Amino acid sequence: MLDALNTQPKPDVILMDMWLSGEDGRDICRTIRADENLKDIPVLIMSASRGLEQSALDAGANDFIAKPFDMGDMISRVRTYIK
């Protein structure tokens, strides 16, 4: 999965759900942070499990978006991290 991210151009931001099919977004975030080529890409994690915000941030996420979310708020947060 991270092979696709290790190509040029790199994404400006990664927006992903906490719970992915067979994967945990926090584990993916930790892997991104450990990769020298990817570690500076902002990662935003979304989840309907509001109690997991701190664990997402502890895993290296730049921000946490609780579901359901306001689309305007989500776009504003993404724009904050786009260079």
PDB file of N, CA and C in Angstrom:
ATOM      1  N   MET A   1       0.815  -1.190   0.000  1.00  0.00           N
ATOM      2  CA  MET A   1       0.000   0.000   0.000  1.00  0.00           C
ATOM      3  C   MET A   1       0.864   1.262   0.000  1.00  0.00           C
ATOM      4  N   LEU A   2       1.911   1.293   0.818  1.00  0.00           N
ATOM      5  CA  LEU A   2       2.747   2.483   0.881  1.00  0.00           C
ATOM      6  C   LEU A   2       3.627   2.629  -0.349  1.00  0.00           C
ATOM      7  N   ASP A   3       3.776   1.573  -1.118  1.00  0.00           N
ATOM      8  CA  ASP A   3       4.541   1.684  -2.362  1.00  0.00           C
ATOM      9  C   ASP A   3       3.939   2.749  -3.263  1.00  0.00           C
ATOM     10  N   ALA A   4       2.622   2.832  -3.298  1.00  0.00           N
ATOM     11  CA  ALA A   4       1.954   3.833  -4.130  1.00  0.00           C
ATOM     12  C   ALA A   4       2.257   5.244  -3.639  1.00  0.00           C
ATOM     13  N   LEU A   5       2.463   5.415  -2.340  1.00  0.00           N
ATOM     14  CA  LEU A   5       2.773   6.735  -1.798  1.00  0.00           C
ATOM     15  C   LEU A   5       4.230   7.119  -2.023  1.00  0.00           C
ATOM     16  N   ASN A   6       5.088   6.130  -2.223  1.00  0.00           N
ATOM     17  CA  ASN A   6       6.504   6.397  -2.421  1.00  0.00           C
ATOM     18  C   ASN A   6       6.825   6.684  -3.878  1.00  0.00           C
ATOM     19  N   THR A   7       5.899   7.306  -4.573  1.00  0.00           N
ATOM     20  CA  THR A   7       6.116   7.699  -5.958  1.00  0.00           C
ATOM     21  C   THR A   7       6.023   9.213  -6.038  1.00  0.00           C
ATOM     22  N   GLN A   8       6.504   9.751  -7.129  1.00  0.00           N
ATOM     23  CA  GLN A   8       6.400  11.207  -7.337  1.00  0.00           C
ATOM     24  C   GLN A   8       5.211  11.462  -8.232  1.00  0.00           C
ATOM     25  N   PRO A   9       4.456  12.495  -8.085  1.00  0.00           N
ATOM     26  CA  PRO A   9       4.514  13.405  -6.940  1.00  0.00           C
ATOM     27  C   PRO A   9       3.811  12.803  -5.726  1.00  0.00           C
ATOM     28  N   LYS A  10       4.241  13.225  -4.581  1.00  0.00           N
ATOM     29  CA  LYS A  10       3.623  12.762  -3.335  1.00  0.00           C
ATOM     30  C   LYS A  10       2.349  13.566  -3.086  1.00  0.00           C
ATOM     31  N   PRO A  11       1.394  12.986  -2.378  1.00  0.00           N
ATOM     32  CA  PRO A  11       0.169  13.742  -2.070  1.00  0.00           C
ATOM     33  C   PRO A  11       0.464  14.892  -1.121  1.00  0.00           C
ATOM     34  N   ASP A  12      -0.339  15.933  -1.198  1.00  0.00           N
ATOM     35  CA  ASP A  12      -0.201  17.070  -0.294  1.00  0.00           C
ATOM     36  C   ASP A  12      -0.711  16.732   1.100  1.00  0.00           C
ATOM     37  N   VAL A  13      -1.669  15.826   1.156  1.00  0.00           N
ATOM     38  CA  VAL A  13      -2.275  15.431   2.427  1.00  0.00           C
ATOM     39  C   VAL A  13      -2.869  14.041   2.257  1.00  0.00           C
ATOM     40  N   ILE A  14      -2.914  13.283   3.349  1.00  0.00           N
ATOM     41  CA  ILE A  14      -3.548  11.965   3.350  1.00  0.00           C
ATOM     42  C   ILE A  14      -4.742  12.049   4.287  1.00  0.00           C
ATOM     43  N   LEU A  15      -5.913  11.748   3.766  1.00  0.00           N
ATOM     44  CA  LEU A  15      -7.152  11.737   4.530  1.00  0.00           C
ATOM     45  C   LEU A  15      -7.664  10.306   4.516  1.00  0.00           C
ATOM     46  N   MET A  16      -7.718   9.673   5.695  1.00  0.00           N
ATOM     47  CA  MET A  16      -8.153   8.274   5.731  1.00  0.00           C
ATOM     48  C   MET A  16      -8.998   7.995   6.958  1.00  0.00           C
ATOM     49  N   ASP A  17      -9.759   6.933   6.842  1.00  0.00           N
ATOM     50  CA  ASP A  17     -10.607   6.494   7.936  1.00  0.00           C
ATOM     51  C   ASP A  17      -9.762   5.723   8.945  1.00  0.00           C
ATOM     52  N   MET A  18     -10.181   5.737  10.180  1.00  0.00           N
ATOM     53  CA  MET A  18      -9.490   4.982  11.227  1.00  0.00           C
ATOM     54  C   MET A  18      -9.610   3.490  10.966  1.00  0.00           C
ATOM     55  N   TRP A  19     -10.796   3.063  10.561  1.00  0.00           N
ATOM     56  CA  TRP A  19     -11.041   1.635  10.371  1.00  0.00           C
ATOM     57  C   TRP A  19     -11.115   1.326   8.887  1.00  0.00           C
ATOM     58  N   LEU A  20     -10.087   0.707   8.373  1.00  0.00           N
ATOM     59  CA  LEU A  20     -10.028   0.314   6.970  1.00  0.00           C
ATOM     60  C   LEU A  20     -10.194  -1.198   6.893  1.00  0.00           C
ATOM     61  N   SER A  21     -10.552  -1.690   5.754  1.00  0.00           N
ATOM     62  CA  SER A  21     -10.762  -3.118   5.583  1.00  0.00           C
ATOM     63  C   SER A  21      -9.478  -3.893   5.893  1.00  0.00           C
ATOM     64  N   GLY A  22      -9.470  -4.535   7.046  1.00  0.00           N
ATOM     65  CA  GLY A  22      -8.322  -5.346   7.427  1.00  0.00           C
ATOM     66  C   GLY A  22      -7.140  -4.557   7.967  1.00  0.00           C
ATOM     67  N   GLU A  23      -7.245  -3.246   8.064  1.00  0.00           N
ATOM     68  CA  GLU A  23      -6.133  -2.415   8.524  1.00  0.00           C
ATOM     69  C   GLU A  23      -6.647  -1.391   9.532  1.00  0.00           C
ATOM     70  N   ASP A  24      -5.765  -0.918  10.362  1.00  0.00           N
ATOM     71  CA  ASP A  24      -6.078   0.136  11.316  1.00  0.00           C
ATOM     72  C   ASP A  24      -5.347   1.390  10.853  1.00  0.00           C
ATOM     73  N   GLY A  25      -6.083   2.475  10.668  1.00  0.00           N
ATOM     74  CA  GLY A  25      -5.490   3.714  10.181  1.00  0.00           C
ATOM     75  C   GLY A  25      -4.351   4.212  11.050  1.00  0.00           C
ATOM     76  N   ARG A  26      -4.404   3.925  12.342  1.00  0.00           N
ATOM     77  CA  ARG A  26      -3.317   4.338  13.232  1.00  0.00           C
ATOM     78  C   ARG A  26      -2.033   3.598  12.904  1.00  0.00           C
ATOM     79  N   ASP A  27      -2.139   2.312  12.566  1.00  0.00           N
ATOM     80  CA  ASP A  27      -0.949   1.546  12.178  1.00  0.00           C
ATOM     81  C   ASP A  27      -0.369   2.080  10.870  1.00  0.00           C
ATOM     82  N   ILE A  28      -1.246   2.414   9.941  1.00  0.00           N
ATOM     83  CA  ILE A  28      -0.782   2.976   8.671  1.00  0.00           C
ATOM     84  C   ILE A  28      -0.105   4.319   8.914  1.00  0.00           C
ATOM     85  N   CYS A  29      -0.669   5.122   9.784  1.00  0.00           N
ATOM     86  CA  CYS A  29      -0.087   6.419  10.113  1.00  0.00           C
ATOM     87  C   CYS A  29       1.307   6.235  10.722  1.00  0.00           C
ATOM     88  N   ARG A  30       1.455   5.291  11.623  1.00  0.00           N
ATOM     89  CA  ARG A  30       2.770   5.028  12.218  1.00  0.00           C
ATOM     90  C   ARG A  30       3.780   4.611  11.153  1.00  0.00           C
ATOM     91  N   THR A  31       3.340   3.803  10.200  1.00  0.00           N
ATOM     92  CA  THR A  31       4.213   3.364   9.118  1.00  0.00           C
ATOM     93  C   THR A  31       4.622   4.542   8.244  1.00  0.00           C
ATOM     94  N   ILE A  32       3.680   5.435   7.970  1.00  0.00           N
ATOM     95  CA  ILE A  32       3.983   6.635   7.183  1.00  0.00           C
ATOM     96  C   ILE A  32       5.004   7.485   7.930  1.00  0.00           C
ATOM     97  N   ARG A  33       4.820   7.675   9.212  1.00  0.00           N
ATOM     98  CA  ARG A  33       5.733   8.503  10.006  1.00  0.00           C
ATOM     99  C   ARG A  33       7.135   7.901  10.081  1.00  0.00           C
ATOM    100  N   ALA A  34       7.240   6.584   9.979  1.00  0.00           N
ATOM    101  CA  ALA A  34       8.541   5.905  10.047  1.00  0.00           C
ATOM    102  C   ALA A  34       9.271   5.912   8.703  1.00  0.00           C
ATOM    103  N   ASP A  35       8.576   6.256   7.636  1.00  0.00           N
ATOM    104  CA  ASP A  35       9.165   6.253   6.294  1.00  0.00           C
ATOM    105  C   ASP A  35       9.777   7.623   5.998  1.00  0.00           C
ATOM    106  N   GLU A  36      11.064   7.658   5.782  1.00  0.00           N
ATOM    107  CA  GLU A  36      11.785   8.915   5.558  1.00  0.00           C
ATOM    108  C   GLU A  36      11.206   9.724   4.403  1.00  0.00           C
ATOM    109  N   ASN A  37      10.714   9.056   3.364  1.00  0.00           N
ATOM    110  CA  ASN A  37      10.166   9.748   2.190  1.00  0.00           C
ATOM    111  C   ASN A  37       8.750  10.260   2.400  1.00  0.00           C
ATOM    112  N   LEU A  38       8.052   9.740   3.390  1.00  0.00           N
ATOM    113  CA  LEU A  38       6.633  10.066   3.576  1.00  0.00           C
ATOM    114  C   LEU A  38       6.334  10.819   4.866  1.00  0.00           C
ATOM    115  N   LYS A  39       7.265  10.836   5.783  1.00  0.00           N
ATOM    116  CA  LYS A  39       6.978  11.303   7.146  1.00  0.00           C
ATOM    117  C   LYS A  39       6.463  12.731   7.247  1.00  0.00           C
ATOM    118  N   ASP A  40       6.726  13.560   6.248  1.00  0.00           N
ATOM    119  CA  ASP A  40       6.300  14.959   6.316  1.00  0.00           C
ATOM    120  C   ASP A  40       4.923  15.217   5.696  1.00  0.00           C
ATOM    121  N   ILE A  41       4.302  14.193   5.144  1.00  0.00           N
ATOM    122  CA  ILE A  41       2.964  14.361   4.557  1.00  0.00           C
ATOM    123  C   ILE A  41       1.942  14.433   5.699  1.00  0.00           C
ATOM    124  N   PRO A  42       1.139  15.490   5.740  1.00  0.00           N
ATOM    125  CA  PRO A  42       0.112  15.575   6.787  1.00  0.00           C
ATOM    126  C   PRO A  42      -0.902  14.434   6.657  1.00  0.00           C
ATOM    127  N   VAL A  43      -1.271  13.855   7.788  1.00  0.00           N
ATOM    128  CA  VAL A  43      -2.235  12.759   7.829  1.00  0.00           C
ATOM    129  C   VAL A  43      -3.415  13.193   8.689  1.00  0.00           C
ATOM    130  N   LEU A  44      -4.606  13.103   8.119  1.00  0.00           N
ATOM    131  CA  LEU A  44      -5.843  13.388   8.844  1.00  0.00           C
ATOM    132  C   LEU A  44      -6.623  12.086   8.929  1.00  0.00           C
ATOM    133  N   ILE A  45      -7.002  11.706  10.127  1.00  0.00           N
ATOM    134  CA  ILE A  45      -7.743  10.463  10.333  1.00  0.00           C
ATOM    135  C   ILE A  45      -9.174  10.801  10.725  1.00  0.00           C
ATOM    136  N   MET A  46     -10.122  10.091  10.107  1.00  0.00           N
ATOM    137  CA  MET A  46     -11.546  10.259  10.393  1.00  0.00           C
ATOM    138  C   MET A  46     -12.071   9.012  11.096  1.00  0.00           C
ATOM    139  N   SER A  47     -13.051   9.216  11.975  1.00  0.00           N
ATOM    140  CA  SER A  47     -13.699   8.075  12.611  1.00  0.00           C
ATOM    141  C   SER A  47     -15.001   8.500  13.270  1.00  0.00           C
ATOM    142  N   ALA A  48     -15.940   7.566  13.306  1.00  0.00           N
ATOM    143  CA  ALA A  48     -17.177   7.786  14.046  1.00  0.00           C
ATOM    144  C   ALA A  48     -16.965   7.512  15.531  1.00  0.00           C
ATOM    145  N   SER A  49     -15.827   6.912  15.858  1.00  0.00           N
ATOM    146  CA  SER A  49     -15.480   6.632  17.253  1.00  0.00           C
ATOM    147  C   SER A  49     -14.767   7.841  17.834  1.00  0.00           C
ATOM    148  N   ARG A  50     -15.537   8.783  18.347  1.00  0.00           N
ATOM    149  CA  ARG A  50     -14.988  10.057  18.833  1.00  0.00           C
ATOM    150  C   ARG A  50     -13.979   9.877  19.958  1.00  0.00           C
ATOM    151  N   GLY A  51     -14.094   8.827  20.711  1.00  0.00           N
ATOM    152  CA  GLY A  51     -13.182   8.585  21.820  1.00  0.00           C
ATOM    153  C   GLY A  51     -11.781   8.196  21.401  1.00  0.00           C
ATOM    154  N   LEU A  52     -11.562   8.027  20.108  1.00  0.00           N
ATOM    155  CA  LEU A  52     -10.255   7.596  19.623  1.00  0.00           C
ATOM    156  C   LEU A  52      -9.393   8.744  19.109  1.00  0.00           C
ATOM    157  N   GLU A  53      -9.846   9.978  19.298  1.00  0.00           N
ATOM    158  CA  GLU A  53      -9.087  11.122  18.792  1.00  0.00           C
ATOM    159  C   GLU A  53      -7.659  11.126  19.328  1.00  0.00           C
ATOM    160  N   GLN A  54      -7.491  10.965  20.614  1.00  0.00           N
ATOM    161  CA  GLN A  54      -6.140  11.042  21.186  1.00  0.00           C
ATOM    162  C   GLN A  54      -5.252   9.919  20.666  1.00  0.00           C
ATOM    163  N   SER A  55      -5.801   8.722  20.490  1.00  0.00           N
ATOM    164  CA  SER A  55      -4.974   7.622  19.989  1.00  0.00           C
ATOM    165  C   SER A  55      -4.567   7.866  18.537  1.00  0.00           C
ATOM    166  N   ALA A  56      -5.409   8.539  17.762  1.00  0.00           N
ATOM    167  CA  ALA A  56      -5.032   8.890  16.385  1.00  0.00           C
ATOM    168  C   ALA A  56      -3.901   9.912  16.397  1.00  0.00           C
ATOM    169  N   LEU A  57      -4.002  10.903  17.264  1.00  0.00           N
ATOM    170  CA  LEU A  57      -2.947  11.916  17.379  1.00  0.00           C
ATOM    171  C   LEU A  57      -1.657  11.296  17.914  1.00  0.00           C
ATOM    172  N   ASP A  58      -1.780  10.377  18.857  1.00  0.00           N
ATOM    173  CA  ASP A  58      -0.607   9.684  19.403  1.00  0.00           C
ATOM    174  C   ASP A  58       0.087   8.837  18.340  1.00  0.00           C
ATOM    175  N   ALA A  59      -0.675   8.352  17.363  1.00  0.00           N
ATOM    176  CA  ALA A  59      -0.107   7.552  16.275  1.00  0.00           C
ATOM    177  C   ALA A  59       0.595   8.420  15.233  1.00  0.00           C
ATOM    178  N   GLY A  60       0.471   9.746  15.372  1.00  0.00           N
ATOM    179  CA  GLY A  60       1.166  10.640  14.451  1.00  0.00           C
ATOM    180  C   GLY A  60       0.276  11.427  13.526  1.00  0.00           C
ATOM    181  N   ALA A  61      -1.046  11.261  13.644  1.00  0.00           N
ATOM    182  CA  ALA A  61      -1.956  12.036  12.792  1.00  0.00           C
ATOM    183  C   ALA A  61      -1.834  13.524  13.133  1.00  0.00           C
ATOM    184  N   ASN A  62      -1.939  14.348  12.114  1.00  0.00           N
ATOM    185  CA  ASN A  62      -1.903  15.795  12.323  1.00  0.00           C
ATOM    186  C   ASN A  62      -3.235  16.313  12.850  1.00  0.00           C
ATOM    187  N   ASP A  63      -4.311  15.607  12.503  1.00  0.00           N
ATOM    188  CA  ASP A  63      -5.642  16.064  12.904  1.00  0.00           C
ATOM    189  C   ASP A  63      -6.579  14.872  12.924  1.00  0.00           C
ATOM    190  N   PHE A  64      -7.701  15.048  13.612  1.00  0.00           N
ATOM    191  CA  PHE A  64      -8.737  14.023  13.720  1.00  0.00           C
ATOM    192  C   PHE A  64     -10.060  14.671  13.355  1.00  0.00           C
ATOM    193  N   ILE A  65     -10.817  14.012  12.509  1.00  0.00           N
ATOM    194  CA  ILE A  65     -12.121  14.514  12.093  1.00  0.00           C
ATOM    195  C   ILE A  65     -13.176  13.499  12.541  1.00  0.00           C
ATOM    196  N   ALA A  66     -14.055  13.940  13.424  1.00  0.00           N
ATOM    197  CA  ALA A  66     -15.106  13.060  13.937  1.00  0.00           C
ATOM    198  C   ALA A  66     -16.267  12.997  12.947  1.00  0.00           C
ATOM    199  N   LYS A  67     -16.778  11.782  12.738  1.00  0.00           N
ATOM    200  CA  LYS A  67     -17.946  11.584  11.885  1.00  0.00           C
ATOM    201  C   LYS A  67     -19.192  11.540  12.766  1.00  0.00           C
ATOM    202  N   PRO A  68     -20.298  11.998  12.288  1.00  0.00           N
ATOM    203  CA  PRO A  68     -20.449  12.699  11.009  1.00  0.00           C
ATOM    204  C   PRO A  68     -19.805  14.081  11.105  1.00  0.00           C
ATOM    205  N   PHE A  69     -19.358  14.571   9.977  1.00  0.00           N
ATOM    206  CA  PHE A  69     -18.684  15.862   9.967  1.00  0.00           C
ATOM    207  C   PHE A  69     -19.355  16.796   8.978  1.00  0.00           C
ATOM    208  N   ASP A  70     -19.145  18.079   9.186  1.00  0.00           N
ATOM    209  CA  ASP A  70     -19.620  19.100   8.272  1.00  0.00           C
ATOM    210  C   ASP A  70     -18.612  19.187   7.123  1.00  0.00           C
ATOM    211  N   MET A  71     -19.076  19.104   5.898  1.00  0.00           N
ATOM    212  CA  MET A  71     -18.182  19.097   4.743  1.00  0.00           C
ATOM    213  C   MET A  71     -17.329  20.364   4.697  1.00  0.00           C
ATOM    214  N   GLY A  72     -17.901  21.493   5.030  1.00  0.00           N
ATOM    215  CA  GLY A  72     -17.141  22.734   5.038  1.00  0.00           C
ATOM    216  C   GLY A  72     -15.995  22.689   6.042  1.00  0.00           C
ATOM    217  N   ASP A  73     -16.257  22.121   7.214  1.00  0.00           N
ATOM    218  CA  ASP A  73     -15.213  21.983   8.236  1.00  0.00           C
ATOM    219  C   ASP A  73     -14.106  21.051   7.744  1.00  0.00           C
ATOM    220  N   MET A  74     -14.490  19.934   7.131  1.00  0.00           N
ATOM    221  CA  MET A  74     -13.491  18.988   6.638  1.00  0.00           C
ATOM    222  C   MET A  74     -12.621  19.645   5.571  1.00  0.00           C
ATOM    223  N   ILE A  75     -13.239  20.362   4.647  1.00  0.00           N
ATOM    224  CA  ILE A  75     -12.476  21.042   3.588  1.00  0.00           C
ATOM    225  C   ILE A  75     -11.550  22.084   4.197  1.00  0.00           C
ATOM    226  N   SER A  76     -12.021  22.810   5.176  1.00  0.00           N
ATOM    227  CA  SER A  76     -11.196  23.813   5.847  1.00  0.00           C
ATOM    228  C   SER A  76      -9.986  23.172   6.512  1.00  0.00           C
ATOM    229  N   ARG A  77     -10.184  22.055   7.171  1.00  0.00           N
ATOM    230  CA  ARG A  77      -9.076  21.363   7.825  1.00  0.00           C
ATOM    231  C   ARG A  77      -8.062  20.856   6.803  1.00  0.00           C
ATOM    232  N   VAL A  78      -8.541  20.291   5.710  1.00  0.00           N
ATOM    233  CA  VAL A  78      -7.627  19.808   4.666  1.00  0.00           C
ATOM    234  C   VAL A  78      -6.824  20.970   4.104  1.00  0.00           C
ATOM    235  N   ARG A  79      -7.485  22.070   3.828  1.00  0.00           N
ATOM    236  CA  ARG A  79      -6.784  23.247   3.286  1.00  0.00           C
ATOM    237  C   ARG A  79      -5.690  23.741   4.215  1.00  0.00           C
ATOM    238  N   THR A  80      -5.879  23.583   5.513  1.00  0.00           N
ATOM    239  CA  THR A  80      -4.877  24.002   6.486  1.00  0.00           C
ATOM    240  C   THR A  80      -3.538  23.306   6.235  1.00  0.00           C
ATOM    241  N   TYR A  81      -3.596  22.072   5.746  1.00  0.00           N
ATOM    242  CA  TYR A  81      -2.387  21.279   5.582  1.00  0.00           C
ATOM    243  C   TYR A  81      -1.848  21.248   4.161  1.00  0.00           C
ATOM    244  N   ILE A  82      -2.607  21.751   3.210  1.00  0.00           N
ATOM    245  CA  ILE A  82      -2.127  21.748   1.829  1.00  0.00           C
ATOM    246  C   ILE A  82      -1.099  22.863   1.667  1.00  0.00           C
ATOM    247  N   LYS A  83       0.011  22.506   1.087  1.00  0.00           N
ATOM    248  CA  LYS A  83       1.103  23.475   0.917  1.00  0.00           C
ATOM    249  C   LYS A  83       0.932  24.260  -0.356  1.00  0.00           C
TER     250      LYS A  83
END
